[in-house]
Protein backbone atom coordinates (compact mmCIF):
# COMPACT_ATOMS: atom_id res chain seq x y z
CA MET A 1 31.66 0.15 18.39
CA THR A 2 29.78 1.35 15.31
CA GLY A 3 26.10 0.38 15.42
CA ALA A 4 26.20 -0.69 19.08
CA ARG A 5 23.57 0.89 21.30
CA PRO A 6 23.85 -0.52 24.83
CA GLY A 7 20.51 -0.06 26.52
CA GLY A 8 18.41 2.35 24.49
CA PHE A 9 15.12 1.49 22.87
CA GLY A 10 16.14 -2.01 21.86
CA TYR A 11 14.41 -2.88 18.62
CA VAL A 12 14.82 -5.11 15.58
CA THR A 13 15.56 -3.30 12.32
CA PRO A 14 16.40 -4.47 8.79
CA GLU A 15 20.01 -3.60 9.61
CA ASN A 16 20.27 -5.91 12.63
CA LEU A 17 17.67 -8.57 11.79
CA ALA A 18 20.40 -11.04 10.74
CA LEU A 19 21.51 -11.24 14.38
CA LEU A 20 18.09 -12.44 15.50
CA VAL A 21 19.66 -15.87 15.75
CA ASP A 22 20.64 -18.18 18.56
CA LEU A 23 24.40 -18.27 18.87
CA TYR A 24 24.59 -21.97 18.11
CA GLU A 25 23.15 -21.42 14.62
CA LEU A 26 26.13 -19.23 13.74
CA ALA A 27 28.55 -21.68 15.37
CA MET A 28 27.09 -24.58 13.34
CA ALA A 29 27.16 -22.47 10.18
CA ASP A 30 30.86 -21.67 10.69
CA SER A 31 31.58 -25.35 11.23
CA TYR A 32 29.63 -26.30 8.11
CA LEU A 33 31.66 -23.79 6.11
CA ARG A 34 34.99 -25.08 7.44
CA GLY A 35 33.95 -28.64 6.65
CA GLY A 36 32.66 -27.89 3.14
CA MET A 37 29.13 -28.86 4.19
CA ASN A 38 27.04 -26.27 2.41
CA ASP A 39 25.05 -28.76 0.34
CA ARG A 40 21.32 -28.37 -0.24
CA ALA A 41 19.18 -29.25 2.77
CA THR A 42 15.52 -29.03 3.72
CA PHE A 43 14.22 -27.99 7.13
CA ALA A 44 10.56 -28.27 8.17
CA LEU A 45 8.82 -25.97 10.63
CA PHE A 46 5.93 -27.69 12.37
CA VAL A 47 4.04 -27.83 15.66
CA ARG A 48 4.44 -31.09 17.55
CA SER A 49 1.06 -31.07 19.31
CA LEU A 50 -1.90 -28.83 20.00
CA PRO A 51 -1.94 -26.69 23.16
CA PRO A 52 -4.58 -27.64 25.75
CA ASN A 53 -8.17 -26.95 24.73
CA ARG A 54 -7.23 -26.29 21.12
CA ALA A 55 -8.67 -28.24 18.20
CA PHE A 56 -6.93 -26.37 15.36
CA LEU A 57 -4.32 -23.73 14.56
CA VAL A 58 -4.42 -20.80 12.13
CA SER A 59 -1.53 -20.08 9.77
CA ALA A 60 -0.17 -16.56 10.29
CA GLY A 61 3.10 -14.70 9.98
CA LEU A 62 4.12 -15.84 6.51
CA GLU A 63 4.20 -12.31 5.07
CA THR A 64 6.57 -11.20 7.83
CA ALA A 65 8.73 -14.28 7.32
CA LEU A 66 9.12 -13.80 3.57
CA ALA A 67 9.89 -10.09 3.91
CA GLY A 68 12.59 -10.91 6.44
CA LEU A 69 14.16 -13.61 4.28
CA GLU A 70 14.32 -11.29 1.28
CA ASP A 71 15.96 -8.49 3.26
CA LEU A 72 18.37 -10.56 5.36
CA ARG A 73 21.83 -8.96 5.37
CA PHE A 74 24.88 -8.84 7.64
CA THR A 75 26.02 -5.22 7.81
CA ASP A 76 29.49 -3.97 8.66
CA ALA A 77 28.28 -3.20 12.17
CA THR A 78 26.85 -6.67 12.80
CA ILE A 79 29.95 -8.37 11.41
CA ALA A 80 32.16 -6.16 13.56
CA TYR A 81 30.17 -7.26 16.60
CA LEU A 82 30.55 -10.93 15.68
CA ALA A 83 34.27 -10.48 15.09
CA GLY A 84 34.55 -8.92 18.54
CA LEU A 85 33.18 -12.10 20.14
CA GLY A 86 36.35 -13.92 19.14
CA LEU A 87 34.43 -17.06 18.19
CA PHE A 88 34.24 -17.16 14.41
CA SER A 89 36.72 -17.83 11.65
CA ASP A 90 37.82 -15.09 9.28
CA ALA A 91 36.49 -17.16 6.40
CA PHE A 92 33.03 -17.31 7.98
CA LEU A 93 32.95 -13.57 8.65
CA ALA A 94 33.93 -12.99 5.02
CA TYR A 95 31.14 -15.36 3.95
CA LEU A 96 28.63 -13.34 5.96
CA ARG A 97 29.60 -10.11 4.17
CA ALA A 98 28.07 -11.45 0.97
CA PHE A 99 25.27 -13.41 2.66
CA ARG A 100 21.89 -13.46 0.95
CA PHE A 101 19.10 -15.98 1.39
CA THR A 102 18.85 -17.87 -1.91
CA GLY A 103 16.68 -20.80 -0.87
CA ASP A 104 13.20 -22.00 -1.77
CA VAL A 105 10.23 -21.97 0.58
CA ARG A 106 6.95 -23.86 0.52
CA ALA A 107 4.30 -22.96 3.07
CA ILE A 108 0.66 -23.14 4.08
CA PRO A 109 -0.87 -19.76 3.13
CA GLU A 110 -1.97 -17.38 5.86
CA GLY A 111 -5.49 -17.79 7.14
CA GLU A 112 -5.57 -21.54 6.52
CA VAL A 113 -6.48 -23.91 9.34
CA PHE A 114 -3.86 -26.57 10.00
CA PHE A 115 -3.07 -29.31 12.49
CA PRO A 116 0.02 -30.94 14.03
CA PRO A 117 2.31 -32.43 12.82
CA GLU A 118 1.73 -30.83 9.42
CA PRO A 119 4.62 -28.64 8.21
CA LEU A 120 3.60 -25.01 8.28
CA LEU A 121 6.67 -24.16 6.23
CA GLU A 122 9.60 -25.93 4.54
CA VAL A 123 12.91 -24.27 3.66
CA SER A 124 15.19 -25.83 1.03
CA GLY A 125 18.54 -24.27 0.19
CA PRO A 126 22.23 -24.20 1.05
CA ARG A 127 22.59 -25.74 4.51
CA ILE A 128 24.15 -22.64 6.06
CA GLU A 129 21.38 -20.35 4.85
CA ALA A 130 18.63 -22.71 5.94
CA GLN A 131 20.24 -23.09 9.38
CA ILE A 132 20.81 -19.40 10.04
CA VAL A 133 17.15 -18.44 9.50
CA GLU A 134 15.83 -20.90 12.08
CA THR A 135 15.29 -18.58 15.04
CA PHE A 136 13.84 -15.75 12.96
CA LEU A 137 11.29 -18.07 11.37
CA LEU A 138 10.33 -19.71 14.65
CA ASN A 139 10.02 -16.37 16.40
CA THR A 140 7.87 -14.99 13.60
CA LEU A 141 5.54 -17.91 13.01
CA ASN A 142 5.17 -19.27 16.53
CA TYR A 143 3.93 -15.97 17.90
CA GLN A 144 1.61 -15.00 15.08
CA VAL A 145 0.09 -18.48 14.81
CA MET A 146 -0.47 -18.42 18.58
CA VAL A 147 -2.30 -15.08 18.48
CA ALA A 148 -4.29 -15.86 15.33
CA SER A 149 -5.44 -19.17 16.79
CA LYS A 150 -6.50 -17.48 20.03
CA ALA A 151 -8.26 -14.68 18.16
CA ALA A 152 -10.10 -17.21 15.99
CA ARG A 153 -11.56 -18.79 19.12
CA ALA A 154 -12.79 -15.40 20.33
CA VAL A 155 -14.31 -14.67 16.92
CA LEU A 156 -16.11 -18.03 16.91
CA ALA A 157 -17.36 -17.47 20.46
CA ALA A 158 -18.72 -14.02 19.52
CA ARG A 159 -21.10 -15.60 16.96
CA GLY A 160 -21.05 -12.79 14.45
CA ARG A 161 -20.50 -9.89 16.82
CA GLY A 162 -17.38 -7.82 16.40
CA VAL A 163 -14.17 -8.56 18.28
CA VAL A 164 -11.57 -5.79 18.60
CA ASP A 165 -7.91 -6.20 19.56
CA PHE A 166 -7.35 -4.19 22.76
CA SER A 167 -4.06 -5.89 23.59
CA PRO A 168 -1.06 -3.58 22.90
CA ARG A 169 -0.59 -2.34 26.48
CA ARG A 170 -0.25 -5.94 27.70
CA ASP A 171 1.61 -7.49 24.77
CA HIS A 172 5.18 -8.64 25.29
CA GLY A 173 6.95 -5.81 23.52
CA ALA A 174 6.35 -3.18 20.87
CA ASP A 175 6.93 -5.52 17.92
CA ALA A 176 4.62 -8.09 19.49
CA ALA A 177 1.84 -5.50 19.68
CA LEU A 178 2.12 -4.86 15.94
CA LYS A 179 2.18 -8.53 15.03
CA ALA A 180 -0.67 -9.33 17.43
CA ALA A 181 -2.90 -6.73 15.79
CA ARG A 182 -2.18 -8.16 12.35
CA ALA A 183 -2.67 -11.78 13.39
CA ALA A 184 -5.90 -10.97 15.20
CA TYR A 185 -7.31 -9.09 12.20
CA LEU A 186 -6.33 -11.94 9.90
CA ALA A 187 -8.26 -14.31 12.17
CA GLY A 188 -11.44 -12.23 11.93
CA CYS A 189 -11.18 -9.43 14.47
CA THR A 190 -12.81 -6.28 13.16
CA GLY A 191 -10.15 -3.81 14.22
CA THR A 192 -7.49 -2.81 16.72
CA SER A 193 -6.84 -0.05 19.20
CA ASN A 194 -3.20 0.00 18.01
CA VAL A 195 -2.78 3.06 15.79
CA LEU A 196 0.68 1.99 14.57
CA ALA A 197 -0.81 -1.27 13.33
CA GLY A 198 -3.39 0.77 11.46
CA LEU A 199 -0.62 2.68 9.73
CA HIS A 200 1.49 -0.38 8.87
CA TYR A 201 -1.22 -2.83 7.86
CA GLY A 202 -4.31 -0.79 7.01
CA ILE A 203 -6.28 -2.36 9.84
CA PRO A 204 -9.31 -0.35 11.04
CA VAL A 205 -8.46 1.46 14.27
CA VAL A 206 -11.04 1.60 17.03
CA GLY A 207 -11.15 3.52 20.30
CA THR A 208 -13.38 5.12 22.89
CA MET A 209 -12.00 6.91 25.95
CA ALA A 210 -10.40 6.02 29.28
CA HIS A 211 -11.77 6.45 32.78
CA SER A 212 -9.13 9.14 33.30
CA TYR A 213 -10.87 11.27 30.68
CA VAL A 214 -14.16 11.10 32.53
CA MET A 215 -12.44 11.78 35.85
CA SER A 216 -10.73 14.86 34.41
CA PHE A 217 -14.04 16.76 34.26
CA SER A 218 -16.18 18.09 37.07
CA ASP A 219 -18.82 15.49 36.33
CA GLU A 220 -19.54 12.64 33.93
CA LEU A 221 -22.16 14.45 31.89
CA GLU A 222 -19.75 17.30 31.18
CA ALA A 223 -17.13 14.77 30.03
CA PHE A 224 -19.57 13.06 27.69
CA ARG A 225 -20.73 16.36 26.23
CA ALA A 226 -17.15 17.47 25.59
CA PHE A 227 -16.24 14.23 23.86
CA ALA A 228 -19.38 14.25 21.72
CA ARG A 229 -18.67 17.86 20.75
CA ASP A 230 -15.06 17.14 19.81
CA PHE A 231 -15.72 13.79 18.06
CA PRO A 232 -19.24 14.01 16.62
CA THR A 233 -18.64 11.15 14.16
CA ASN A 234 -16.92 8.79 16.60
CA ALA A 235 -18.62 9.26 19.95
CA VAL A 236 -18.42 6.01 21.94
CA LEU A 237 -18.74 6.79 25.64
CA LEU A 238 -17.27 4.79 28.53
CA ILE A 239 -20.09 4.65 31.04
CA ASP A 240 -18.82 2.65 34.05
CA THR A 241 -16.43 5.12 35.72
CA TYR A 242 -18.87 5.77 38.59
CA ASP A 243 -22.25 4.09 38.20
CA THR A 244 -22.95 2.20 34.98
CA LEU A 245 -26.69 2.78 34.81
CA GLN A 246 -26.37 6.46 35.64
CA GLY A 247 -23.62 6.60 33.03
CA ALA A 248 -26.05 5.11 30.52
CA ARG A 249 -28.61 7.80 31.39
CA HIS A 250 -25.99 10.49 30.88
CA ALA A 251 -25.05 8.88 27.56
CA ALA A 252 -28.72 8.88 26.56
CA THR A 253 -28.96 12.59 27.35
CA VAL A 254 -25.92 13.29 25.18
CA GLY A 255 -27.26 11.02 22.47
CA ARG A 256 -30.53 12.96 22.28
CA GLU A 257 -28.60 16.23 22.18
CA MET A 258 -26.45 14.89 19.36
CA ALA A 259 -29.51 13.79 17.41
CA ALA A 260 -30.95 17.30 17.71
CA ARG A 261 -27.74 18.59 16.07
CA GLY A 262 -27.96 16.04 13.26
CA ALA A 263 -25.21 13.85 14.74
CA ARG A 264 -25.37 10.36 16.21
CA LEU A 265 -24.11 8.66 19.35
CA ARG A 266 -22.21 5.66 18.00
CA GLY A 267 -22.29 3.68 21.20
CA VAL A 268 -21.21 3.05 24.76
CA ARG A 269 -18.63 0.80 26.38
CA ILE A 270 -18.92 -1.11 29.66
CA ASP A 271 -15.65 -2.29 31.17
CA SER A 272 -16.56 -3.66 34.61
CA GLY A 273 -19.22 -5.18 36.80
CA ASP A 274 -21.89 -7.67 35.81
CA LEU A 275 -21.50 -7.17 32.09
CA ALA A 276 -24.48 -9.30 31.08
CA ALA A 277 -26.96 -7.68 33.45
CA HIS A 278 -25.60 -4.19 32.92
CA SER A 279 -25.69 -4.53 29.15
CA ARG A 280 -29.36 -5.50 29.18
CA ALA A 281 -30.26 -2.60 31.44
CA VAL A 282 -28.20 -0.18 29.36
CA ARG A 283 -29.85 -1.43 26.18
CA ALA A 284 -33.25 -0.67 27.67
CA ILE A 285 -32.16 2.87 28.68
CA LEU A 286 -30.77 3.62 25.23
CA ASP A 287 -33.80 2.18 23.44
CA GLU A 288 -36.20 4.16 25.61
CA ALA A 289 -34.28 7.30 24.62
CA GLY A 290 -34.75 6.45 20.93
CA LEU A 291 -31.09 5.45 20.50
CA ARG A 292 -31.69 1.97 19.15
CA ASP A 293 -28.76 2.20 16.76
CA ALA A 294 -26.26 3.05 19.53
CA ARG A 295 -23.97 0.05 19.93
CA ILE A 296 -22.89 -1.58 23.18
CA VAL A 297 -19.26 -2.66 23.49
CA LEU A 298 -18.16 -4.91 26.36
CA SER A 299 -14.57 -5.16 27.58
CA GLY A 300 -12.62 -6.02 30.72
CA ASP A 301 -10.49 -9.17 30.95
CA LEU A 302 -12.47 -10.96 28.28
CA ASN A 303 -11.57 -14.18 26.50
CA GLU A 304 -13.45 -16.68 24.38
CA HIS A 305 -14.95 -18.42 27.44
CA ARG A 306 -16.23 -15.20 28.99
CA ILE A 307 -17.62 -14.11 25.62
CA ALA A 308 -19.50 -17.39 25.27
CA ALA A 309 -20.78 -17.12 28.84
CA LEU A 310 -21.98 -13.54 28.33
CA LEU A 311 -23.95 -14.51 25.26
CA ALA A 312 -25.39 -17.51 27.08
CA GLN A 313 -26.54 -15.10 29.80
CA GLY A 314 -28.36 -12.97 27.24
CA ALA A 315 -25.94 -10.04 27.15
CA ALA A 316 -27.08 -7.19 24.90
CA VAL A 317 -23.82 -6.61 23.05
CA ASP A 318 -22.68 -5.60 19.59
CA ALA A 319 -18.92 -5.98 19.99
CA PHE A 320 -16.26 -7.17 22.40
CA GLY A 321 -12.89 -5.62 23.20
CA VAL A 322 -10.36 -8.35 24.02
CA GLY A 323 -6.96 -7.36 25.35
CA THR A 324 -4.55 -9.27 27.58
CA GLU A 325 -5.88 -12.73 26.81
CA LEU A 326 -5.65 -12.15 23.07
CA GLY A 327 -2.16 -10.68 22.74
CA THR A 328 -0.59 -13.09 25.22
CA SER A 329 -2.84 -16.10 24.53
CA ALA A 330 -2.89 -16.37 28.30
CA ASP A 331 -4.17 -19.95 28.58
CA ALA A 332 -1.73 -21.25 25.93
CA PRO A 333 1.13 -18.74 25.67
CA SER A 334 3.24 -20.88 23.35
CA ILE A 335 2.55 -23.42 20.63
CA GLY A 336 5.83 -25.31 20.54
CA GLY A 337 6.72 -24.92 16.88
CA VAL A 338 10.06 -26.51 15.96
CA TYR A 339 12.40 -26.40 12.95
CA LYS A 340 14.06 -29.68 12.00
CA LEU A 341 16.30 -31.08 9.28
CA VAL A 342 14.32 -33.59 7.20
CA GLU A 343 16.36 -34.11 4.02
CA ASP A 344 19.68 -33.25 2.38
CA GLU A 345 21.71 -34.35 -0.63
CA LYS A 346 22.69 -37.57 1.14
CA GLY A 347 19.07 -38.55 1.64
CA TYR A 348 16.31 -38.42 4.21
CA ARG A 349 17.05 -37.28 7.76
CA VAL A 350 15.19 -38.17 10.94
CA LYS A 351 15.48 -37.40 14.64
CA LEU A 352 14.76 -40.36 16.92
CA SER A 353 14.90 -38.67 20.34
CA THR A 354 12.34 -40.06 22.77
CA GLY A 355 9.24 -37.90 22.66
CA LYS A 356 10.76 -35.67 19.98
CA ALA A 357 11.01 -37.93 16.95
CA THR A 358 10.50 -36.31 13.55
CA LEU A 359 9.16 -37.41 10.20
CA PRO A 360 11.71 -37.61 7.36
CA GLY A 361 11.56 -35.96 3.95
CA ARG A 362 9.94 -33.03 2.19
CA LYS A 363 6.18 -33.33 2.44
CA GLN A 364 2.79 -32.31 1.16
CA VAL A 365 -0.45 -31.99 3.10
CA TRP A 366 -3.57 -33.14 1.29
CA ARG A 367 -6.94 -32.00 2.64
CA GLN A 368 -10.10 -33.93 1.97
CA LEU A 369 -13.52 -32.24 2.14
CA ASP A 370 -17.04 -33.64 2.33
CA ALA A 371 -19.90 -32.60 0.06
CA GLU A 372 -20.61 -29.56 2.27
CA GLY A 373 -17.02 -28.36 2.04
CA GLN A 374 -16.11 -29.37 5.57
CA PRO A 375 -12.67 -30.89 6.16
CA VAL A 376 -12.89 -34.56 7.07
CA GLY A 377 -9.22 -35.48 7.29
CA ASP A 378 -5.71 -34.63 6.10
CA LEU A 379 -3.10 -36.90 4.57
CA LEU A 380 0.54 -36.11 5.29
CA ALA A 381 2.59 -37.51 2.43
CA LEU A 382 6.01 -37.22 0.86
CA ALA A 383 6.29 -34.26 -1.49
CA ASP A 384 6.51 -36.34 -4.68
CA GLU A 385 3.56 -38.60 -3.87
CA PRO A 386 0.25 -38.06 -5.69
CA GLY A 387 -2.61 -37.03 -3.46
CA PRO A 388 -5.97 -38.74 -3.00
CA PRO A 389 -8.67 -38.02 -5.57
CA GLU A 390 -10.45 -34.70 -4.95
CA ALA A 391 -7.97 -33.71 -2.22
CA ALA A 392 -6.33 -30.27 -2.30
CA PRO A 393 -2.66 -29.59 -1.46
CA LEU A 394 -2.01 -27.10 1.31
CA LEU A 395 1.71 -26.42 0.88
CA VAL A 396 2.43 -24.06 -2.00
CA GLU A 397 5.59 -22.46 -3.33
CA VAL A 398 6.02 -19.02 -1.79
CA MET A 399 9.70 -18.30 -2.52
CA ARG A 400 12.20 -19.44 -5.17
CA HIS A 401 15.92 -18.65 -5.17
CA GLY A 402 15.41 -16.16 -2.35
CA ARG A 403 12.71 -14.14 -4.10
CA ARG A 404 9.08 -14.43 -3.19
CA THR A 405 6.69 -16.00 -5.66
CA TRP A 406 3.67 -15.54 -3.40
CA ALA A 407 2.14 -12.30 -2.27
CA GLU A 408 -1.33 -11.81 -0.93
CA PRO A 409 -3.20 -8.82 0.49
CA LEU A 410 -4.04 -9.12 4.17
CA GLU A 411 -7.74 -8.88 3.29
CA GLU A 412 -7.46 -12.00 1.11
CA SER A 413 -5.80 -13.97 3.91
CA ARG A 414 -8.52 -12.72 6.26
CA ARG A 415 -11.22 -13.84 3.84
CA ARG A 416 -9.64 -17.30 3.67
CA CYS A 417 -9.61 -17.57 7.44
CA THR A 418 -13.23 -16.49 7.70
CA GLU A 419 -14.25 -19.16 5.18
CA ARG A 420 -12.19 -21.88 6.84
CA LEU A 421 -13.59 -21.14 10.29
CA ALA A 422 -17.13 -21.12 8.92
CA ASN A 423 -16.55 -24.53 7.32
CA LEU A 424 -15.09 -26.20 10.39
CA PRO A 425 -17.19 -29.07 11.74
CA GLU A 426 -19.10 -27.99 14.83
CA GLU A 427 -17.05 -30.40 16.92
CA LEU A 428 -13.87 -28.52 16.02
CA ARG A 429 -15.45 -25.19 16.92
CA GLN A 430 -15.98 -26.19 20.55
CA LEU A 431 -13.98 -24.21 23.11
CA ASP A 432 -13.28 -27.29 25.24
CA ASP A 433 -13.04 -30.99 24.56
CA GLY A 434 -13.55 -30.74 20.82
CA MET A 435 -12.94 -33.68 18.56
CA ALA A 436 -9.44 -34.62 17.45
CA TYR A 437 -9.00 -33.97 13.74
CA HIS A 438 -7.52 -36.90 11.86
CA VAL A 439 -4.13 -36.41 10.21
CA ALA A 440 -2.99 -39.65 8.61
CA LEU A 441 0.43 -40.57 7.27
CA SER A 442 0.63 -41.92 3.73
CA PRO A 443 1.75 -45.56 3.38
CA ALA A 444 5.02 -44.42 1.79
CA LEU A 445 5.77 -42.00 4.65
CA GLN A 446 4.89 -44.65 7.23
CA ALA A 447 7.19 -47.14 5.53
CA LEU A 448 10.03 -44.63 5.31
CA ARG A 449 9.69 -43.71 8.97
CA ALA A 450 9.65 -47.36 10.00
CA ARG A 451 12.72 -48.15 7.89
CA MET A 452 14.70 -45.21 9.25
CA THR A 453 13.62 -46.00 12.82
CA ASP A 454 14.84 -49.59 12.42
CA ASP A 455 18.09 -48.42 10.80
CA GLY A 456 18.65 -45.92 13.57
């Protein structure tokens, strides 16, 4: 069949993105079409509750989401595949041939801190369109919010030292590695080892060498000299292949040789052993050799807790490389974002399932700050309610009639995140057992929920 590639590389492209749906979304859409139920509806995407040991979440993935909505198309090949399933009506397949997303979207901008159950994004448009985009939006935002929130914790734990994304070899797929690099940079990481992410997003790319490089030479000093010769402006040497302290001495020798040639050893990386003790000893060796500006990078199964512990132990470190734990958010590998109908032309809609009840209606999130600019509480209200005095709305229009009205450079979103993290109350910055941020419901929203619960 045209466009079918059983096996193969297996990737999402603009041509097949429309099939990044769960089958039931297409089945519901076909049924809506047959029943003449393509009225305007609003769906809200929100996170029900915080993962363990999390006090906040970071908005990420909106740029990807909007680009996907603008480009969403069903090609001849994808429609031929759907026809071959023998499930869908001819009228629905004809509808898909002309499908374009024409809805409106309001969202919390990237880099903003938010809290459950605040809507991260609301989609309003023809019911079929709003239903079909569910899985794509959840896939996009759940993952990038998860990584950005994890990266933010590492950045906070590093207390001003650099954090670099080293995750692509452990991320759950090629696309995930790209999105992880972007989300991590947005949250304050200083760069990524992922060269493709550098190309796509303009993120600074960072790298040293592997142990295999050192092992490929007759001895460590020869390896370091070769690397320094070939990369005189980017010489960061991995010094723990054999003996870390001897590696530091070899690095110092190469650093002095580079200085004599008018070059500079940029730094060393330690990837194993007692990182705190080794870093202090290595710092002393480098300083004694006159290489005080050579940086020390620590890596090796790091996360925010290990970073905090290393600094508490007095580690001499300028930057951290964080891999597996960042790209997979190993301690909280999902955030449970959901996408629910909240309103249509017949009125407000609510789900009353035990443990999974929703809040009806389109909404606005109002953030209140104290005199120092720290958030002190959010008010979740209906969209047409006025906010409290001095409070700022978080949800903004980002798309109208299927065309984006919001566009922001990644650096601007990153700046926002840096500011928001800096302004968090200290209790919210804790890695464990932080305070619970207060999100209140407006009186009107409380009354509406109570009325619909009683009616249900």
